[in-house]
Amino acid sequence: MQILPALLRELRTVELQAAALPLVLQLLQRQGAEDFQEVTLPALKPLIEGATGDTLLQLTRSSPLFLNATAKGAAAQLVPKLLLRALQDG
């Protein structure tokens, strides 16, 4: 997963999010819970908090993946916020 850090950096660029996010989510399926919590989740949190449009839709559709990859406490904080943002964004 040497490509993951580079993809996570690309998520900071709005223009590249649409291309990078599906790849990150695909890699997430192969990533262990510990790696997700330490590496991927910190990079995704700003995106989850500020995503709109297609990026928010992709993240919302991936919420079951987040539930499986995080501890219950972290998932309880992450997924409801994500779904609430999606409802508010319309």
C-alpha atoms as a PDB file:
ATOM      1  CA  MET A   1       0.000   0.000   0.000  1.00  0.00           C
ATOM      2  CA  GLN A   2       2.799   2.364  -0.821  1.00  0.00           C
ATOM      3  CA  ILE A   3       0.480   4.356  -3.067  1.00  0.00           C
ATOM      4  CA  LEU A   4      -1.967   5.148  -0.267  1.00  0.00           C
ATOM      5  CA  PRO A   5      -0.055   8.070   1.293  1.00  0.00           C
ATOM      6  CA  ALA A   6       0.183   9.780  -2.107  1.00  0.00           C
ATOM      7  CA  LEU A   7      -3.528   9.262  -2.763  1.00  0.00           C
ATOM      8  CA  LEU A   8      -4.409  10.613   0.659  1.00  0.00           C
ATOM      9  CA  ARG A   9      -2.413  13.763  -0.107  1.00  0.00           C
ATOM     10  CA  GLU A  10      -4.328  14.164  -3.372  1.00  0.00           C
ATOM     11  CA  LEU A  11      -7.587  14.287  -1.413  1.00  0.00           C
ATOM     12  CA  ARG A  12      -6.580  17.757  -0.217  1.00  0.00           C
ATOM     13  CA  THR A  13      -6.961  19.049  -3.780  1.00  0.00           C
ATOM     14  CA  VAL A  14     -10.625  19.540  -4.659  1.00  0.00           C
ATOM     15  CA  GLU A  15      -9.985  18.949  -8.359  1.00  0.00           C
ATOM     16  CA  LEU A  16      -8.394  15.551  -7.696  1.00  0.00           C
ATOM     17  CA  GLN A  17     -10.838  14.266  -5.074  1.00  0.00           C
ATOM     18  CA  ALA A  18     -13.168  12.680  -7.627  1.00  0.00           C
ATOM     19  CA  ALA A  19     -10.301  10.625  -9.050  1.00  0.00           C
ATOM     20  CA  ALA A  20      -8.449   9.807  -5.830  1.00  0.00           C
ATOM     21  CA  LEU A  21     -11.341   8.996  -3.494  1.00  0.00           C
ATOM     22  CA  PRO A  22     -12.590   5.846  -5.291  1.00  0.00           C
ATOM     23  CA  LEU A  23      -9.041   4.475  -5.257  1.00  0.00           C
ATOM     24  CA  VAL A  24      -8.637   5.249  -1.549  1.00  0.00           C
ATOM     25  CA  LEU A  25     -11.967   3.569  -0.794  1.00  0.00           C
ATOM     26  CA  GLN A  26     -10.942   0.512  -2.799  1.00  0.00           C
ATOM     27  CA  LEU A  27      -7.665   0.259  -0.874  1.00  0.00           C
ATOM     28  CA  LEU A  28      -9.582   0.687   2.366  1.00  0.00           C
ATOM     29  CA  GLN A  29     -11.238  -2.665   1.761  1.00  0.00           C
ATOM     30  CA  ARG A  30      -7.822  -4.325   2.029  1.00  0.00           C
ATOM     31  CA  GLN A  31      -6.516  -2.231   4.882  1.00  0.00           C
ATOM     32  CA  GLY A  32      -6.437  -3.422   8.445  1.00  0.00           C
ATOM     33  CA  ALA A  33      -8.391  -1.597  11.141  1.00  0.00           C
ATOM     34  CA  GLU A  34      -5.243  -0.352  12.864  1.00  0.00           C
ATOM     35  CA  ASP A  35      -3.794   1.103   9.658  1.00  0.00           C
ATOM     36  CA  PHE A  36      -7.129   2.704   8.854  1.00  0.00           C
ATOM     37  CA  GLN A  37      -7.344   4.355  12.275  1.00  0.00           C
ATOM     38  CA  GLU A  38      -3.737   5.583  12.223  1.00  0.00           C
ATOM     39  CA  VAL A  39      -3.207   6.526   8.571  1.00  0.00           C
ATOM     40  CA  THR A  40      -6.381   6.796   6.518  1.00  0.00           C
ATOM     41  CA  LEU A  41      -8.937   8.136   8.973  1.00  0.00           C
ATOM     42  CA  PRO A  42      -6.923  11.232   9.957  1.00  0.00           C
ATOM     43  CA  ALA A  43      -6.577  12.076   6.253  1.00  0.00           C
ATOM     44  CA  LEU A  44     -10.262  11.452   5.547  1.00  0.00           C
ATOM     45  CA  LYS A  45     -11.681  13.418   8.487  1.00  0.00           C
ATOM     46  CA  PRO A  46     -11.238  16.879   6.908  1.00  0.00           C
ATOM     47  CA  LEU A  47     -12.748  15.576   3.697  1.00  0.00           C
ATOM     48  CA  ILE A  48     -15.685  14.017   5.517  1.00  0.00           C
ATOM     49  CA  GLU A  49     -16.308  17.255   7.397  1.00  0.00           C
ATOM     50  CA  GLY A  50     -16.164  19.466   4.310  1.00  0.00           C
ATOM     51  CA  ALA A  51     -17.237  17.276   1.389  1.00  0.00           C
ATOM     52  CA  THR A  52     -20.053  18.330  -0.895  1.00  0.00           C
ATOM     53  CA  GLY A  53     -21.666  17.020  -4.058  1.00  0.00           C
ATOM     54  CA  ASP A  54     -20.262  13.845  -5.602  1.00  0.00           C
ATOM     55  CA  THR A  55     -17.528  13.527  -2.996  1.00  0.00           C
ATOM     56  CA  LEU A  56     -20.101  13.554  -0.202  1.00  0.00           C
ATOM     57  CA  LEU A  57     -22.172  11.007  -2.110  1.00  0.00           C
ATOM     58  CA  GLN A  58     -19.174   8.684  -2.502  1.00  0.00           C
ATOM     59  CA  LEU A  59     -18.360   8.970   1.187  1.00  0.00           C
ATOM     60  CA  THR A  60     -21.976   8.356   2.185  1.00  0.00           C
ATOM     61  CA  ARG A  61     -22.163   5.265   0.014  1.00  0.00           C
ATOM     62  CA  SER A  62     -19.000   4.031   1.728  1.00  0.00           C
ATOM     63  CA  SER A  63     -20.332   4.415   5.259  1.00  0.00           C
ATOM     64  CA  PRO A  64     -20.684   0.609   5.721  1.00  0.00           C
ATOM     65  CA  LEU A  65     -17.012   0.346   4.856  1.00  0.00           C
ATOM     66  CA  PHE A  66     -16.178   2.902   7.554  1.00  0.00           C
ATOM     67  CA  LEU A  67     -18.284   0.981  10.067  1.00  0.00           C
ATOM     68  CA  ASN A  68     -16.320  -2.192   9.343  1.00  0.00           C
ATOM     69  CA  ALA A  69     -12.931  -0.462   9.434  1.00  0.00           C
ATOM     70  CA  THR A  70     -13.279   1.487  12.671  1.00  0.00           C
ATOM     71  CA  ALA A  71     -13.769   0.731  16.307  1.00  0.00           C
ATOM     72  CA  LYS A  72     -17.349   1.146  17.477  1.00  0.00           C
ATOM     73  CA  GLY A  73     -16.618   4.406  19.288  1.00  0.00           C
ATOM     74  CA  ALA A  74     -14.947   5.985  16.285  1.00  0.00           C
ATOM     75  CA  ALA A  75     -17.673   4.737  13.953  1.00  0.00           C
ATOM     76  CA  ALA A  76     -20.330   6.161  16.261  1.00  0.00           C
ATOM     77  CA  GLN A  77     -18.727   9.585  15.867  1.00  0.00           C
ATOM     78  CA  LEU A  78     -17.873   9.383  12.175  1.00  0.00           C
ATOM     79  CA  VAL A  79     -20.802   7.789  10.359  1.00  0.00           C
ATOM     80  CA  PRO A  80     -23.743   9.681  11.910  1.00  0.00           C
ATOM     81  CA  LYS A  81     -22.001  13.001  11.213  1.00  0.00           C
ATOM     82  CA  LEU A  82     -21.405  11.945   7.630  1.00  0.00           C
ATOM     83  CA  LEU A  83     -25.013  10.874   7.108  1.00  0.00           C
ATOM     84  CA  LEU A  84     -26.337  14.051   8.737  1.00  0.00           C
ATOM     85  CA  ARG A  85     -24.188  16.177   6.428  1.00  0.00           C
ATOM     86  CA  ALA A  86     -25.510  14.240   3.442  1.00  0.00           C
ATOM     87  CA  LEU A  87     -29.094  14.854   4.537  1.00  0.00           C
ATOM     88  CA  GLN A  88     -28.464  18.539   5.061  1.00  0.00           C
ATOM     89  CA  ASP A  89     -26.643  18.904   1.742  1.00  0.00           C
ATOM     90  CA  GLY A  90     -29.564  17.290  -0.055  1.00  0.00           C
END
